[in-house]
Protein backbone atom coordinates (compact mmCIF):
# COMPACT_ATOMS: atom_id res chain seq x y z
CA ARG A 1 0.00 0.00 0.00
CA CYS A 2 2.86 2.34 0.84
CA MET A 3 4.59 1.46 -2.44
CA ALA A 4 1.44 2.34 -4.39
CA MET A 5 1.20 5.71 -2.64
CA HIS A 6 4.89 6.36 -3.37
CA SER A 7 4.41 5.44 -7.04
CA ALA A 8 1.36 7.69 -7.25
CA ALA A 9 3.36 10.58 -5.78
CA ILE A 10 6.16 10.02 -8.29
CA LEU A 11 3.69 9.87 -11.18
CA ALA A 12 1.99 13.06 -9.98
CA ALA A 13 5.34 14.87 -9.86
CA GLU A 14 6.26 13.64 -13.34
CA ASN A 15 2.83 14.70 -14.59
CA ARG A 16 3.30 18.23 -13.20
CA ALA A 17 6.75 18.47 -14.80
CA LEU A 18 5.42 17.30 -18.17
CA LYS A 19 2.50 19.76 -18.01
CA ALA A 20 4.89 22.62 -17.24
CA ALA A 21 7.17 21.61 -20.13
CA ASN A 22 4.14 21.33 -22.42
CA GLU A 23 2.93 24.81 -21.45
CA LYS A 24 6.39 26.22 -22.05
CA GLN A 25 6.51 24.59 -25.49
CA LYS A 26 3.04 25.94 -26.36
CA ARG A 27 4.08 29.46 -25.36
CA LYS A 28 7.21 29.12 -27.47
CA GLN A 29 5.19 28.03 -30.51
CA GLU A 30 2.71 30.87 -30.04
CA ARG A 31 5.58 33.33 -29.72
CA ARG A 32 7.07 32.06 -33.01
CA ARG A 33 3.82 32.87 -34.83
CA THR A 34 4.12 36.55 -34.03
CA TYR A 35 5.38 38.40 -37.05
CA ILE A 36 5.50 41.88 -38.46
CA GLY A 37 3.91 42.45 -41.83
CA GLN A 38 5.83 43.84 -44.78
CA GLU A 39 4.05 47.19 -44.67
CA ASP A 40 4.53 47.67 -40.93
CA ALA A 41 7.84 48.99 -39.73
CA LEU A 42 8.97 49.24 -36.12
CA THR A 43 11.24 51.79 -34.62
CA ILE A 44 14.10 50.51 -32.49
CA GLU A 45 12.27 51.62 -29.33
CA GLU A 46 9.10 49.75 -30.35
CA GLY A 47 11.07 46.58 -31.04
CA ILE A 48 12.89 46.78 -27.72
CA ASP A 49 9.58 47.43 -25.95
CA ARG A 50 7.98 44.35 -27.55
CA VAL A 51 10.89 42.13 -26.55
CA ARG A 52 10.86 43.51 -22.99
CA ARG A 53 7.09 42.89 -22.63
CA ALA A 54 7.41 39.34 -23.98
CA ASN A 55 10.24 38.60 -21.52
CA GLU A 56 8.24 40.04 -18.61
CA GLU A 57 5.18 37.94 -19.48
CA GLU A 58 7.28 34.79 -19.77
CA SER A 59 9.04 35.39 -16.46
CA ARG A 60 5.67 35.97 -14.75
CA VAL A 61 4.34 32.66 -16.09
CA VAL A 62 7.49 30.79 -15.02
CA GLU A 63 7.15 32.17 -11.47
CA VAL A 64 3.57 30.91 -11.28
CA THR A 65 4.38 27.43 -12.60
CA GLU A 66 7.34 26.81 -10.29
CA GLU A 67 6.66 23.82 -8.11
CA ARG A 68 5.54 24.54 -4.57
CA PRO A 69 7.02 22.49 -1.73
CA GLN A 70 4.86 19.51 -0.87
CA LYS A 71 3.43 18.97 2.59
CA ARG A 72 4.30 15.72 4.27
CA ALA A 73 1.46 13.35 4.94
CA ALA A 74 0.57 12.59 8.54
CA ARG A 75 2.24 9.51 10.02
CA GLN A 76 0.11 6.41 9.66
CA CYS A 77 0.61 3.06 11.33
CA SER A 78 1.03 0.10 8.96
CA ILE A 79 -0.26 -2.31 11.63
CA CYS A 80 -3.52 -0.71 12.78
CA GLY A 81 -3.90 2.05 10.16
CA THR A 82 -4.26 4.82 12.75
CA VAL A 83 -2.95 8.26 11.84
CA GLY A 84 -0.55 9.80 14.34
CA HIS A 85 1.91 7.02 15.07
CA THR A 86 4.00 4.45 13.21
CA ALA A 87 4.29 0.67 13.46
CA ARG A 88 7.38 1.07 15.66
CA THR A 89 5.32 2.76 18.41
CA CYS A 90 2.01 0.93 17.84
CA SER A 91 0.28 -0.35 20.98
CA GLN A 92 -1.08 -3.36 19.07
CA ARG A 93 2.46 -4.42 18.19
CA THR A 94 3.47 -4.50 21.84
CA ARG A 95 0.34 -6.50 22.72
CA ASN A 96 0.93 -9.03 19.93
CA SER A 97 4.62 -9.56 20.70
CA SER A 98 4.02 -10.22 24.44
C-alpha cells in the first residue's frame, strides 16, 4: 500500500513536470507565430519594448508554474492504520509480541 502511494506521488510529480514543459513549449510556438507584416515597420524603441514585454510575461508565467514544496502526509501506522503514530510505536504491536 505504501509502495502504491509512493508510485502515485512520483507519477503526480512527473505529470506536473510534463505539463509545465508542455505549457512552455506551447508558449514558445505561439511566440514564433508573431510576425511583423511587410508594410509595418517598427522603430528601435518599439522593437525593444515588444521584446521587454514578452520577456516580462514569460518570467511571470514561469514564477507561477514553479513547483511549490509539498506537505508531508501525517504519520500512519502500517499495523492498525491509525494516523498519528508508526508501526514502531504501535500499541497493538506490543500486545501481539508479548
